[in-house]
Amino acid sequence: MHFLITAGGTREYIDPVRFITNASSGRMGYALTRAAVKAGHKVTLISASDLQPPVGVEFVGVDSAAEMFGAVKKHFPRCDCLIMAAAVADFTPDKQAKFKIKKTDKSLTIKLKPTADILKWAGKHKKTRRQKIEHRKQRTQIVVGFALEDKNLREQAEKKLKEKNLDMIIANTPAAIGSDKSSVQIRIAGGKWLKIPQSSKTAIAIRVIATIEKIIP
């Protein structure tokens, strides 16, 4: 299989030296990358993290949400599975200053605009094929998303799973940010919830890859 995995938190620049970002370390995306490689799969990693790229992968470095979207659109057509583990910014400055904004005694207002929904785009554009015998559509690309929520975890994750036409959702809480360990809940479209108790991100990644291997057409 060929995995396309995104990792890290994007940087949305206000001016050439300042940016808006989040606390994502990229560790989960990198753990998934290593697990996929160890399982014998090919991986293209699109990363906005400063972590050292794992050996044996095709690496694409990006900064902003727009750059990540461009990279996903470029590499998505030839992958079997996209795992969107990156913490892509929901908003970006409406305009980026060409030069460093000088400090003054006045307040500064920054207007933000929504970024493109990469996961929703992938769910809409994933490839399907028609089986002549069963006369039904079967996915030939798997799209996996993450849902980080601080309340109504399963409810919000299920909503994301359906609205973005995903094949699998991995739900966790803000406690996972920057931590070496995490507790996640996984649901395959049409299936039941699977809860993985507090474990290393390496162990979780291995479980995730193994689960995907079972559902890929």
N, C-alpha and C. Protein backbone atom coordinates (compact mmCIF):
# COMPACT_ATOMS: atom_id res chain seq x y z
N MET A 1 0.82 -1.19 0.00
CA MET A 1 0.00 0.00 0.00
C MET A 1 0.87 1.26 0.00
N HIS A 2 0.31 2.30 -0.52
CA HIS A 2 0.98 3.60 -0.51
C HIS A 2 0.19 4.54 0.41
N PHE A 3 0.80 4.91 1.52
CA PHE A 3 0.17 5.82 2.48
C PHE A 3 0.61 7.26 2.21
N LEU A 4 -0.34 8.18 2.31
CA LEU A 4 -0.06 9.60 2.30
C LEU A 4 -0.45 10.10 3.69
N ILE A 5 0.53 10.58 4.44
CA ILE A 5 0.30 10.97 5.83
C ILE A 5 0.70 12.42 6.04
N THR A 6 -0.15 13.17 6.73
CA THR A 6 0.19 14.56 7.05
C THR A 6 0.47 14.67 8.54
N ALA A 7 1.34 15.61 8.91
CA ALA A 7 1.73 15.74 10.32
C ALA A 7 2.08 17.17 10.66
N GLY A 8 1.96 17.50 11.95
CA GLY A 8 2.39 18.80 12.45
C GLY A 8 1.32 19.87 12.38
N GLY A 9 1.58 20.99 13.02
CA GLY A 9 0.68 22.13 12.99
C GLY A 9 1.14 23.16 11.99
N THR A 10 0.24 23.63 11.16
CA THR A 10 0.63 24.60 10.13
C THR A 10 0.92 25.97 10.72
N ARG A 11 1.69 26.76 10.01
CA ARG A 11 2.04 28.12 10.41
C ARG A 11 1.39 29.11 9.44
N GLU A 12 0.57 29.97 9.99
CA GLU A 12 -0.14 30.95 9.16
C GLU A 12 0.49 32.33 9.42
N TYR A 13 1.26 32.80 8.48
CA TYR A 13 2.09 34.00 8.70
C TYR A 13 1.29 35.30 8.69
N ILE A 14 1.59 36.13 9.69
CA ILE A 14 1.02 37.47 9.80
C ILE A 14 1.90 38.45 9.04
N ASP A 15 3.20 38.29 9.22
CA ASP A 15 4.21 39.06 8.49
C ASP A 15 5.41 38.11 8.29
N PRO A 16 6.50 38.55 7.73
CA PRO A 16 7.61 37.62 7.45
C PRO A 16 8.21 36.91 8.67
N VAL A 17 7.96 37.41 9.89
CA VAL A 17 8.59 36.81 11.06
C VAL A 17 7.60 36.31 12.12
N ARG A 18 6.34 36.62 11.98
CA ARG A 18 5.33 36.21 12.97
C ARG A 18 4.27 35.33 12.32
N PHE A 19 3.80 34.36 13.09
CA PHE A 19 2.77 33.48 12.56
C PHE A 19 1.84 32.97 13.65
N ILE A 20 0.67 32.49 13.22
CA ILE A 20 -0.30 31.85 14.11
C ILE A 20 -0.14 30.35 13.92
N THR A 21 -0.10 29.61 15.02
CA THR A 21 0.04 28.16 14.90
C THR A 21 -0.70 27.50 16.06
N ASN A 22 -0.43 26.22 16.29
CA ASN A 22 -1.05 25.50 17.40
C ASN A 22 0.02 24.63 18.06
N ALA A 23 -0.38 23.91 19.09
CA ALA A 23 0.59 23.17 19.91
C ALA A 23 0.92 21.77 19.38
N SER A 24 0.45 21.42 18.22
CA SER A 24 0.73 20.08 17.68
C SER A 24 2.23 19.87 17.47
N SER A 25 2.73 18.73 17.93
CA SER A 25 4.16 18.41 17.78
C SER A 25 4.45 17.63 16.51
N GLY A 26 3.43 16.97 15.98
CA GLY A 26 3.62 16.12 14.80
C GLY A 26 3.99 14.69 15.15
N ARG A 27 4.09 14.38 16.45
CA ARG A 27 4.54 13.04 16.87
C ARG A 27 3.62 11.91 16.40
N MET A 28 2.31 12.16 16.42
CA MET A 28 1.39 11.11 16.00
C MET A 28 1.55 10.79 14.52
N GLY A 29 1.66 11.82 13.71
CA GLY A 29 1.85 11.61 12.27
C GLY A 29 3.14 10.89 11.97
N TYR A 30 4.19 11.22 12.71
CA TYR A 30 5.49 10.56 12.50
C TYR A 30 5.45 9.12 13.00
N ALA A 31 4.71 8.87 14.09
CA ALA A 31 4.57 7.51 14.60
C ALA A 31 3.82 6.65 13.58
N LEU A 32 2.80 7.22 12.96
CA LEU A 32 2.05 6.50 11.92
C LEU A 32 2.94 6.22 10.72
N THR A 33 3.78 7.17 10.38
CA THR A 33 4.71 6.99 9.26
C THR A 33 5.67 5.83 9.53
N ARG A 34 6.26 5.82 10.71
CA ARG A 34 7.20 4.74 11.06
C ARG A 34 6.50 3.39 11.10
N ALA A 35 5.27 3.36 11.62
CA ALA A 35 4.52 2.11 11.71
C ALA A 35 4.19 1.57 10.32
N ALA A 36 3.83 2.47 9.40
CA ALA A 36 3.50 2.05 8.04
C ALA A 36 4.74 1.51 7.32
N VAL A 37 5.86 2.19 7.50
CA VAL A 37 7.11 1.73 6.88
C VAL A 37 7.52 0.37 7.44
N LYS A 38 7.41 0.22 8.76
CA LYS A 38 7.78 -1.04 9.42
C LYS A 38 6.90 -2.18 8.94
N ALA A 39 5.65 -1.86 8.58
CA ALA A 39 4.72 -2.88 8.10
C ALA A 39 4.93 -3.18 6.62
N GLY A 40 5.90 -2.52 6.00
CA GLY A 40 6.24 -2.82 4.61
C GLY A 40 5.57 -1.95 3.58
N HIS A 41 5.00 -0.84 4.00
CA HIS A 41 4.28 0.03 3.06
C HIS A 41 5.14 1.22 2.60
N LYS A 42 4.75 1.80 1.49
CA LYS A 42 5.39 3.01 0.98
C LYS A 42 4.69 4.20 1.61
N VAL A 43 5.46 5.22 1.98
CA VAL A 43 4.85 6.39 2.63
C VAL A 43 5.36 7.69 2.03
N THR A 44 4.42 8.59 1.79
CA THR A 44 4.74 9.97 1.47
C THR A 44 4.29 10.79 2.67
N LEU A 45 5.21 11.48 3.30
CA LEU A 45 4.91 12.27 4.49
C LEU A 45 4.91 13.75 4.16
N ILE A 46 3.78 14.41 4.38
CA ILE A 46 3.67 15.85 4.20
C ILE A 46 3.69 16.46 5.59
N SER A 47 4.72 17.20 5.90
CA SER A 47 4.91 17.63 7.29
C SER A 47 5.11 19.13 7.46
N ALA A 48 4.45 19.65 8.50
CA ALA A 48 4.66 21.04 8.91
C ALA A 48 5.37 21.05 10.26
N SER A 49 5.96 19.91 10.62
CA SER A 49 6.65 19.77 11.90
C SER A 49 8.14 19.96 11.72
N ASP A 50 8.82 20.31 12.81
CA ASP A 50 10.27 20.47 12.79
C ASP A 50 10.99 19.16 13.13
N LEU A 51 10.25 18.09 13.32
CA LEU A 51 10.85 16.80 13.66
C LEU A 51 11.67 16.27 12.49
N GLN A 52 12.67 15.46 12.81
CA GLN A 52 13.53 14.85 11.78
C GLN A 52 12.73 13.83 10.98
N PRO A 53 12.70 13.91 9.67
CA PRO A 53 11.93 12.96 8.85
C PRO A 53 12.41 11.53 9.04
N PRO A 54 11.50 10.58 9.18
CA PRO A 54 11.90 9.17 9.29
C PRO A 54 12.62 8.70 8.03
N VAL A 55 13.48 7.73 8.19
CA VAL A 55 14.23 7.18 7.06
C VAL A 55 13.31 6.33 6.20
N GLY A 56 13.51 6.39 4.89
CA GLY A 56 12.77 5.51 3.98
C GLY A 56 11.44 6.03 3.51
N VAL A 57 11.19 7.34 3.67
CA VAL A 57 9.93 7.89 3.21
C VAL A 57 10.17 9.02 2.22
N GLU A 58 9.16 9.30 1.42
CA GLU A 58 9.19 10.47 0.54
C GLU A 58 8.72 11.64 1.40
N PHE A 59 9.56 12.64 1.58
CA PHE A 59 9.24 13.73 2.50
C PHE A 59 8.92 15.02 1.73
N VAL A 60 7.82 15.65 2.16
CA VAL A 60 7.41 16.93 1.58
C VAL A 60 7.21 17.90 2.73
N GLY A 61 8.06 18.91 2.83
CA GLY A 61 7.95 19.89 3.89
C GLY A 61 7.07 21.06 3.49
N VAL A 62 6.18 21.47 4.38
CA VAL A 62 5.29 22.61 4.13
C VAL A 62 5.23 23.48 5.38
N ASP A 63 4.69 24.68 5.23
CA ASP A 63 4.47 25.57 6.37
C ASP A 63 2.98 25.82 6.60
N SER A 64 2.34 26.40 5.63
CA SER A 64 0.96 26.86 5.80
C SER A 64 -0.08 25.82 5.40
N ALA A 65 -1.33 26.11 5.77
CA ALA A 65 -2.45 25.25 5.39
C ALA A 65 -2.59 25.20 3.86
N ALA A 66 -2.38 26.34 3.22
CA ALA A 66 -2.48 26.39 1.76
C ALA A 66 -1.42 25.52 1.10
N GLU A 67 -0.20 25.55 1.66
CA GLU A 67 0.88 24.70 1.11
C GLU A 67 0.56 23.22 1.33
N MET A 68 0.00 22.91 2.49
CA MET A 68 -0.35 21.52 2.77
C MET A 68 -1.46 21.04 1.83
N PHE A 69 -2.43 21.90 1.58
CA PHE A 69 -3.52 21.55 0.67
C PHE A 69 -2.97 21.28 -0.73
N GLY A 70 -2.06 22.14 -1.17
CA GLY A 70 -1.46 21.95 -2.48
C GLY A 70 -0.69 20.64 -2.58
N ALA A 71 0.03 20.30 -1.52
CA ALA A 71 0.80 19.05 -1.51
C ALA A 71 -0.11 17.84 -1.48
N VAL A 72 -1.20 17.91 -0.71
CA VAL A 72 -2.15 16.80 -0.64
C VAL A 72 -2.79 16.58 -2.01
N LYS A 73 -3.22 17.66 -2.65
CA LYS A 73 -3.84 17.53 -3.97
C LYS A 73 -2.88 16.92 -5.00
N LYS A 74 -1.60 17.25 -4.86
CA LYS A 74 -0.61 16.74 -5.79
C LYS A 74 -0.37 15.24 -5.60
N HIS A 75 -0.28 14.79 -4.35
CA HIS A 75 0.11 13.41 -4.07
C HIS A 75 -1.07 12.46 -3.82
N PHE A 76 -2.25 13.00 -3.58
CA PHE A 76 -3.41 12.17 -3.27
C PHE A 76 -3.79 11.16 -4.37
N PRO A 77 -3.76 11.55 -5.64
CA PRO A 77 -4.21 10.62 -6.69
C PRO A 77 -3.48 9.28 -6.73
N ARG A 78 -2.22 9.23 -6.25
CA ARG A 78 -1.48 7.97 -6.34
C ARG A 78 -1.35 7.24 -5.01
N CYS A 79 -2.11 7.64 -4.01
CA CYS A 79 -2.04 6.94 -2.73
C CYS A 79 -3.23 5.99 -2.58
N ASP A 80 -3.03 4.99 -1.73
CA ASP A 80 -4.13 4.07 -1.39
C ASP A 80 -4.87 4.55 -0.14
N CYS A 81 -4.17 5.26 0.71
CA CYS A 81 -4.77 5.73 1.95
C CYS A 81 -4.17 7.06 2.38
N LEU A 82 -5.04 8.01 2.69
CA LEU A 82 -4.62 9.29 3.24
C LEU A 82 -4.97 9.31 4.72
N ILE A 83 -3.98 9.61 5.56
CA ILE A 83 -4.22 9.80 6.99
C ILE A 83 -3.91 11.25 7.31
N MET A 84 -4.95 12.02 7.62
CA MET A 84 -4.77 13.44 7.93
C MET A 84 -4.53 13.60 9.42
N ALA A 85 -3.29 13.39 9.85
CA ALA A 85 -2.94 13.53 11.26
C ALA A 85 -2.49 14.95 11.59
N ALA A 86 -2.29 15.77 10.59
CA ALA A 86 -1.84 17.15 10.81
C ALA A 86 -2.91 17.99 11.49
N ALA A 87 -2.47 18.95 12.29
CA ALA A 87 -3.38 19.92 12.91
C ALA A 87 -3.38 21.15 12.01
N VAL A 88 -4.21 21.11 11.00
CA VAL A 88 -4.26 22.21 10.02
C VAL A 88 -5.04 23.39 10.60
N ALA A 89 -4.51 24.57 10.50
CA ALA A 89 -5.18 25.76 11.02
C ALA A 89 -6.55 25.94 10.37
N ASP A 90 -7.54 26.30 11.17
CA ASP A 90 -8.88 26.55 10.65
C ASP A 90 -8.99 27.95 10.04
N PHE A 91 -8.10 28.84 10.49
CA PHE A 91 -8.12 30.21 9.99
C PHE A 91 -6.71 30.69 9.67
N THR A 92 -6.63 31.63 8.74
CA THR A 92 -5.36 32.22 8.35
C THR A 92 -5.55 33.72 8.15
N PRO A 93 -4.52 34.53 8.34
CA PRO A 93 -4.68 35.98 8.14
C PRO A 93 -5.21 36.30 6.74
N ASP A 94 -6.15 37.22 6.69
CA ASP A 94 -6.74 37.61 5.41
C ASP A 94 -5.68 38.22 4.50
N LYS A 95 -4.76 38.96 5.10
CA LYS A 95 -3.66 39.55 4.35
C LYS A 95 -2.36 39.39 5.14
N GLN A 96 -1.29 39.06 4.47
CA GLN A 96 0.02 38.95 5.12
C GLN A 96 0.83 40.20 4.81
N ALA A 97 1.34 40.83 5.86
CA ALA A 97 2.16 42.02 5.67
C ALA A 97 3.46 41.66 4.95
N LYS A 98 3.86 42.48 4.00
CA LYS A 98 5.08 42.20 3.25
C LYS A 98 6.33 42.44 4.09
N PHE A 99 6.21 43.33 5.07
CA PHE A 99 7.34 43.65 5.93
C PHE A 99 6.95 43.47 7.39
N LYS A 100 7.95 43.34 8.26
CA LYS A 100 7.69 43.16 9.67
C LYS A 100 6.86 44.32 10.22
N ILE A 101 5.80 43.95 10.95
CA ILE A 101 4.94 44.98 11.54
C ILE A 101 5.65 45.58 12.75
N LYS A 102 5.82 46.87 12.75
CA LYS A 102 6.53 47.54 13.83
C LYS A 102 5.65 47.66 15.08
N LYS A 103 6.29 47.55 16.24
CA LYS A 103 5.58 47.68 17.50
C LYS A 103 5.21 49.13 17.75
N THR A 104 3.96 49.34 18.18
CA THR A 104 3.49 50.68 18.56
C THR A 104 2.67 50.56 19.84
N ASP A 105 2.17 51.68 20.33
CA ASP A 105 1.33 51.67 21.53
C ASP A 105 -0.13 51.38 21.20
N LYS A 106 -0.44 51.25 19.93
CA LYS A 106 -1.82 51.02 19.51
C LYS A 106 -2.12 49.52 19.42
N SER A 107 -3.39 49.19 19.59
CA SER A 107 -3.82 47.79 19.46
C SER A 107 -3.74 47.37 17.99
N LEU A 108 -3.52 46.09 17.79
CA LEU A 108 -3.44 45.57 16.43
C LEU A 108 -4.57 44.57 16.20
N THR A 109 -5.32 44.78 15.16
CA THR A 109 -6.41 43.88 14.81
C THR A 109 -6.02 43.07 13.57
N ILE A 110 -6.15 41.77 13.66
CA ILE A 110 -5.82 40.89 12.53
C ILE A 110 -7.09 40.21 12.05
N LYS A 111 -7.43 40.40 10.82
CA LYS A 111 -8.62 39.78 10.23
C LYS A 111 -8.24 38.39 9.71
N LEU A 112 -9.02 37.40 10.11
CA LEU A 112 -8.75 36.02 9.70
C LEU A 112 -9.82 35.53 8.74
N LYS A 113 -9.43 34.61 7.87
CA LYS A 113 -10.38 33.99 6.95
C LYS A 113 -10.23 32.46 7.06
N PRO A 114 -11.27 31.70 6.75
CA PRO A 114 -11.20 30.24 6.86
C PRO A 114 -10.20 29.65 5.87
N THR A 115 -9.55 28.57 6.27
CA THR A 115 -8.68 27.85 5.35
C THR A 115 -9.48 26.78 4.63
N ALA A 116 -8.93 26.22 3.59
CA ALA A 116 -9.62 25.17 2.84
C ALA A 116 -9.73 23.92 3.72
N ASP A 117 -10.83 23.20 3.57
CA ASP A 117 -11.05 21.95 4.32
C ASP A 117 -10.43 20.80 3.52
N ILE A 118 -9.20 20.47 3.84
CA ILE A 118 -8.47 19.44 3.09
C ILE A 118 -9.13 18.08 3.22
N LEU A 119 -9.54 17.74 4.43
CA LEU A 119 -10.14 16.42 4.68
C LEU A 119 -11.45 16.25 3.90
N LYS A 120 -12.26 17.30 3.89
CA LYS A 120 -13.52 17.23 3.15
C LYS A 120 -13.27 17.10 1.65
N TRP A 121 -12.24 17.80 1.17
CA TRP A 121 -11.88 17.70 -0.25
C TRP A 121 -11.48 16.26 -0.60
N ALA A 122 -10.67 15.65 0.27
CA ALA A 122 -10.21 14.28 0.01
C ALA A 122 -11.38 13.30 0.03
N GLY A 123 -12.30 13.48 0.99
CA GLY A 123 -13.45 12.59 1.06
C GLY A 123 -14.33 12.68 -0.18
N LYS A 124 -14.38 13.86 -0.76
CA LYS A 124 -15.18 14.08 -1.96
C LYS A 124 -14.50 13.53 -3.21
N HIS A 125 -13.17 13.55 -3.24
CA HIS A 125 -12.43 13.18 -4.46
C HIS A 125 -11.79 11.79 -4.42
N LYS A 126 -11.99 11.03 -3.36
CA LYS A 126 -11.38 9.69 -3.32
C LYS A 126 -11.97 8.81 -4.41
N LYS A 127 -11.14 7.92 -4.90
CA LYS A 127 -11.52 7.06 -6.02
C LYS A 127 -12.45 5.94 -5.56
N THR A 128 -13.40 5.59 -6.43
CA THR A 128 -14.27 4.44 -6.19
C THR A 128 -14.28 3.59 -7.45
N ARG A 129 -14.71 2.37 -7.30
CA ARG A 129 -14.83 1.51 -8.48
C ARG A 129 -16.13 0.73 -8.37
N ARG A 130 -16.66 0.26 -9.47
CA ARG A 130 -17.92 -0.47 -9.48
C ARG A 130 -17.64 -1.95 -9.74
N GLN A 131 -18.12 -2.79 -8.86
CA GLN A 131 -17.99 -4.23 -9.04
C GLN A 131 -19.16 -4.71 -9.90
N LYS A 132 -18.86 -5.35 -11.01
CA LYS A 132 -19.90 -5.76 -11.96
C LYS A 132 -20.84 -6.82 -11.37
N ILE A 133 -20.29 -7.68 -10.50
CA ILE A 133 -21.11 -8.76 -9.96
C ILE A 133 -22.09 -8.23 -8.90
N GLU A 134 -21.60 -7.45 -7.98
CA GLU A 134 -22.43 -6.98 -6.89
C GLU A 134 -23.16 -5.68 -7.20
N HIS A 135 -22.75 -5.03 -8.27
CA HIS A 135 -23.37 -3.78 -8.70
C HIS A 135 -23.39 -2.74 -7.57
N ARG A 136 -22.26 -2.57 -6.94
CA ARG A 136 -22.16 -1.56 -5.90
C ARG A 136 -20.78 -0.90 -5.96
N LYS A 137 -20.71 0.25 -5.37
CA LYS A 137 -19.44 0.95 -5.35
C LYS A 137 -18.57 0.47 -4.21
N GLN A 138 -17.30 0.32 -4.47
CA GLN A 138 -16.34 -0.07 -3.44
C GLN A 138 -15.17 0.89 -3.48
N ARG A 139 -14.77 1.39 -2.33
CA ARG A 139 -13.70 2.36 -2.28
C ARG A 139 -12.37 1.75 -2.68
N THR A 140 -11.60 2.50 -3.44
CA THR A 140 -10.24 2.07 -3.75
C THR A 140 -9.24 3.00 -3.08
N GLN A 141 -9.74 4.01 -2.40
CA GLN A 141 -8.89 4.88 -1.58
C GLN A 141 -9.55 5.03 -0.22
N ILE A 142 -8.73 4.97 0.81
CA ILE A 142 -9.22 5.13 2.18
C ILE A 142 -8.80 6.51 2.69
N VAL A 143 -9.74 7.21 3.31
CA VAL A 143 -9.44 8.51 3.89
C VAL A 143 -9.71 8.45 5.40
N VAL A 144 -8.67 8.73 6.17
CA VAL A 144 -8.75 8.65 7.63
C VAL A 144 -8.51 10.03 8.23
N GLY A 145 -9.39 10.42 9.13
CA GLY A 145 -9.26 11.72 9.76
C GLY A 145 -9.12 11.62 11.26
N PHE A 146 -8.68 12.72 11.87
CA PHE A 146 -8.58 12.83 13.32
C PHE A 146 -9.60 13.86 13.80
N ALA A 147 -10.16 13.61 14.98
CA ALA A 147 -11.08 14.57 15.60
C ALA A 147 -10.60 14.83 17.01
N LEU A 148 -10.09 16.03 17.25
CA LEU A 148 -9.65 16.42 18.58
C LEU A 148 -10.73 17.31 19.18
N GLU A 149 -11.37 16.83 20.22
CA GLU A 149 -12.49 17.54 20.82
C GLU A 149 -12.35 17.59 22.33
N ASP A 150 -12.80 18.69 22.94
CA ASP A 150 -12.74 18.80 24.39
C ASP A 150 -14.08 18.48 25.06
N LYS A 151 -15.12 18.23 24.26
CA LYS A 151 -16.40 17.77 24.80
C LYS A 151 -17.19 17.08 23.69
N ASN A 152 -18.13 16.20 24.10
CA ASN A 152 -18.95 15.43 23.16
C ASN A 152 -18.07 14.75 22.11
N LEU A 153 -17.05 14.04 22.58
CA LEU A 153 -16.03 13.49 21.69
C LEU A 153 -16.60 12.61 20.60
N ARG A 154 -17.34 11.57 20.98
CA ARG A 154 -17.87 10.64 19.98
C ARG A 154 -18.89 11.30 19.07
N GLU A 155 -19.74 12.13 19.64
CA GLU A 155 -20.76 12.81 18.85
C GLU A 155 -20.13 13.68 17.77
N GLN A 156 -19.14 14.46 18.14
CA GLN A 156 -18.48 15.34 17.19
C GLN A 156 -17.67 14.56 16.16
N ALA A 157 -17.04 13.47 16.60
CA ALA A 157 -16.25 12.64 15.69
C ALA A 157 -17.15 11.95 14.66
N GLU A 158 -18.28 11.45 15.11
CA GLU A 158 -19.23 10.79 14.20
C GLU A 158 -19.77 11.78 13.17
N LYS A 159 -19.99 13.01 13.60
CA LYS A 159 -20.46 14.05 12.70
C LYS A 159 -19.41 14.32 11.61
N LYS A 160 -18.15 14.38 12.02
CA LYS A 160 -17.05 14.61 11.09
C LYS A 160 -16.90 13.43 10.13
N LEU A 161 -17.03 12.23 10.65
CA LEU A 161 -16.93 11.01 9.84
C LEU A 161 -17.94 11.02 8.70
N LYS A 162 -19.16 11.41 9.02
CA LYS A 162 -20.24 11.42 8.03
C LYS A 162 -20.15 12.59 7.08
N GLU A 163 -20.00 13.79 7.63
CA GLU A 163 -20.04 15.00 6.80
C GLU A 163 -18.87 15.08 5.82
N LYS A 164 -17.73 14.51 6.18
CA LYS A 164 -16.56 14.59 5.31
C LYS A 164 -16.34 13.33 4.49
N ASN A 165 -17.31 12.39 4.58
CA ASN A 165 -17.27 11.16 3.79
C ASN A 165 -15.98 10.36 4.04
N LEU A 166 -15.66 10.16 5.32
CA LEU A 166 -14.44 9.45 5.69
C LEU A 166 -14.69 7.96 5.83
N ASP A 167 -13.60 7.21 5.83
CA ASP A 167 -13.68 5.77 6.02
C ASP A 167 -13.36 5.37 7.46
N MET A 168 -12.66 6.25 8.14
CA MET A 168 -12.31 5.98 9.53
C MET A 168 -12.00 7.29 10.24
N ILE A 169 -12.37 7.37 11.51
CA ILE A 169 -12.09 8.55 12.31
C ILE A 169 -11.36 8.12 13.58
N ILE A 170 -10.39 8.91 13.99
CA ILE A 170 -9.64 8.66 15.22
C ILE A 170 -9.89 9.86 16.12
N ALA A 171 -10.54 9.61 17.26
CA ALA A 171 -10.93 10.69 18.16
C ALA A 171 -10.05 10.72 19.39
N ASN A 172 -9.65 11.93 19.77
CA ASN A 172 -8.89 12.09 21.01
C ASN A 172 -9.17 13.46 21.61
N THR A 173 -8.55 13.75 22.74
CA THR A 173 -8.80 15.00 23.46
C THR A 173 -7.54 15.87 23.43
N PRO A 174 -7.64 17.13 23.85
CA PRO A 174 -6.46 18.01 23.87
C PRO A 174 -5.31 17.48 24.72
N ALA A 175 -5.58 16.52 25.60
CA ALA A 175 -4.52 15.95 26.44
C ALA A 175 -3.45 15.26 25.60
N ALA A 176 -3.78 14.92 24.36
CA ALA A 176 -2.84 14.22 23.48
C ALA A 176 -1.77 15.16 22.92
N ILE A 177 -2.04 16.47 22.93
CA ILE A 177 -1.13 17.43 22.32
C ILE A 177 0.21 17.47 23.06
N GLY A 178 1.28 17.22 22.33
CA GLY A 178 2.61 17.31 22.89
C GLY A 178 3.00 16.17 23.81
N SER A 179 2.13 15.19 23.97
CA SER A 179 2.39 14.07 24.87
C SER A 179 2.93 12.86 24.12
N ASP A 180 3.73 12.05 24.81
CA ASP A 180 4.24 10.82 24.20
C ASP A 180 3.21 9.71 24.25
N LYS A 181 2.20 9.87 25.12
CA LYS A 181 1.15 8.87 25.26
C LYS A 181 -0.21 9.50 25.03
N SER A 182 -1.17 8.67 24.70
CA SER A 182 -2.51 9.18 24.43
C SER A 182 -3.53 8.05 24.55
N SER A 183 -4.77 8.44 24.67
CA SER A 183 -5.88 7.49 24.64
C SER A 183 -6.77 7.91 23.47
N VAL A 184 -7.06 6.99 22.56
CA VAL A 184 -7.86 7.34 21.39
C VAL A 184 -9.03 6.38 21.22
N GLN A 185 -9.99 6.83 20.45
CA GLN A 185 -11.13 6.00 20.09
C GLN A 185 -11.23 5.98 18.58
N ILE A 186 -11.43 4.81 18.02
CA ILE A 186 -11.44 4.64 16.57
C ILE A 186 -12.78 4.10 16.11
N ARG A 187 -13.27 4.64 15.03
CA ARG A 187 -14.49 4.09 14.44
C ARG A 187 -14.36 4.02 12.92
N ILE A 188 -14.59 2.85 12.38
CA ILE A 188 -14.66 2.66 10.94
C ILE A 188 -16.09 2.98 10.52
N ALA A 189 -16.28 3.61 9.37
CA ALA A 189 -17.62 3.95 8.89
C ALA A 189 -18.49 2.70 8.88
N GLY A 190 -19.62 2.76 9.55
CA GLY A 190 -20.53 1.63 9.61
C GLY A 190 -20.22 0.63 10.71
N GLY A 191 -19.12 0.88 11.45
CA GLY A 191 -18.71 -0.05 12.49
C GLY A 191 -18.94 0.49 13.89
N LYS A 192 -18.40 -0.22 14.87
CA LYS A 192 -18.54 0.17 16.27
C LYS A 192 -17.26 0.88 16.75
N TRP A 193 -17.39 1.57 17.84
CA TRP A 193 -16.25 2.27 18.41
C TRP A 193 -15.26 1.29 19.04
N LEU A 194 -13.99 1.54 18.83
CA LEU A 194 -12.91 0.79 19.45
C LEU A 194 -12.11 1.76 20.30
N LYS A 195 -12.01 1.49 21.59
CA LYS A 195 -11.27 2.37 22.48
C LYS A 195 -9.91 1.80 22.81
N ILE A 196 -8.87 2.59 22.57
CA ILE A 196 -7.50 2.20 22.92
C ILE A 196 -7.10 3.00 24.16
N PRO A 197 -6.90 2.33 25.29
CA PRO A 197 -6.55 3.03 26.52
C PRO A 197 -5.19 3.71 26.41
N GLN A 198 -4.84 4.46 27.43
CA GLN A 198 -3.57 5.20 27.45
C GLN A 198 -2.41 4.33 26.99
N SER A 199 -1.82 4.70 25.86
CA SER A 199 -0.72 3.94 25.27
C SER A 199 0.26 4.90 24.61
N SER A 200 1.43 4.40 24.28
CA SER A 200 2.38 5.23 23.56
C SER A 200 1.84 5.50 22.16
N LYS A 201 2.25 6.60 21.59
CA LYS A 201 1.78 6.92 20.24
C LYS A 201 2.31 5.90 19.23
N THR A 202 3.43 5.29 19.54
CA THR A 202 3.97 4.23 18.69
C THR A 202 3.02 3.04 18.67
N ALA A 203 2.54 2.63 19.84
CA ALA A 203 1.62 1.50 19.95
C ALA A 203 0.29 1.81 19.27
N ILE A 204 -0.18 3.04 19.45
CA ILE A 204 -1.44 3.44 18.81
C ILE A 204 -1.29 3.42 17.29
N ALA A 205 -0.18 3.91 16.81
CA ALA A 205 0.07 3.96 15.37
C ALA A 205 0.07 2.56 14.76
N ILE A 206 0.65 1.62 15.45
CA ILE A 206 0.68 0.23 14.96
C ILE A 206 -0.73 -0.31 14.85
N ARG A 207 -1.58 -0.03 15.85
CA ARG A 207 -2.97 -0.48 15.83
C ARG A 207 -3.74 0.17 14.68
N VAL A 208 -3.48 1.44 14.45
CA VAL A 208 -4.18 2.16 13.38
C VAL A 208 -3.84 1.59 12.01
N ILE A 209 -2.55 1.40 11.76
CA ILE A 209 -2.12 0.84 10.48
C ILE A 209 -2.70 -0.55 10.26
N ALA A 210 -2.68 -1.38 11.30
CA ALA A 210 -3.24 -2.74 11.21
C ALA A 210 -4.73 -2.71 10.91
N THR A 211 -5.44 -1.74 11.49
CA THR A 211 -6.88 -1.61 11.23
C THR A 211 -7.14 -1.20 9.79
N ILE A 212 -6.35 -0.28 9.29
CA ILE A 212 -6.51 0.17 7.91
C ILE A 212 -6.24 -0.97 6.93
N GLU A 213 -5.25 -1.78 7.24
CA GLU A 213 -4.89 -2.91 6.37
C GLU A 213 -6.08 -3.85 6.20
N LYS A 214 -6.94 -3.94 7.21
CA LYS A 214 -8.09 -4.85 7.16
C LYS A 214 -9.25 -4.31 6.33
N ILE A 215 -9.31 -2.99 6.17
CA ILE A 215 -10.46 -2.41 5.46
C ILE A 215 -10.13 -1.92 4.06
N ILE A 216 -8.86 -1.88 3.69
CA ILE A 216 -8.51 -1.43 2.35
C ILE A 216 -9.07 -2.41 1.33
N PRO A 217 -9.73 -1.92 0.27
CA PRO A 217 -10.32 -2.82 -0.74
C PRO A 217 -9.28 -3.70 -1.42
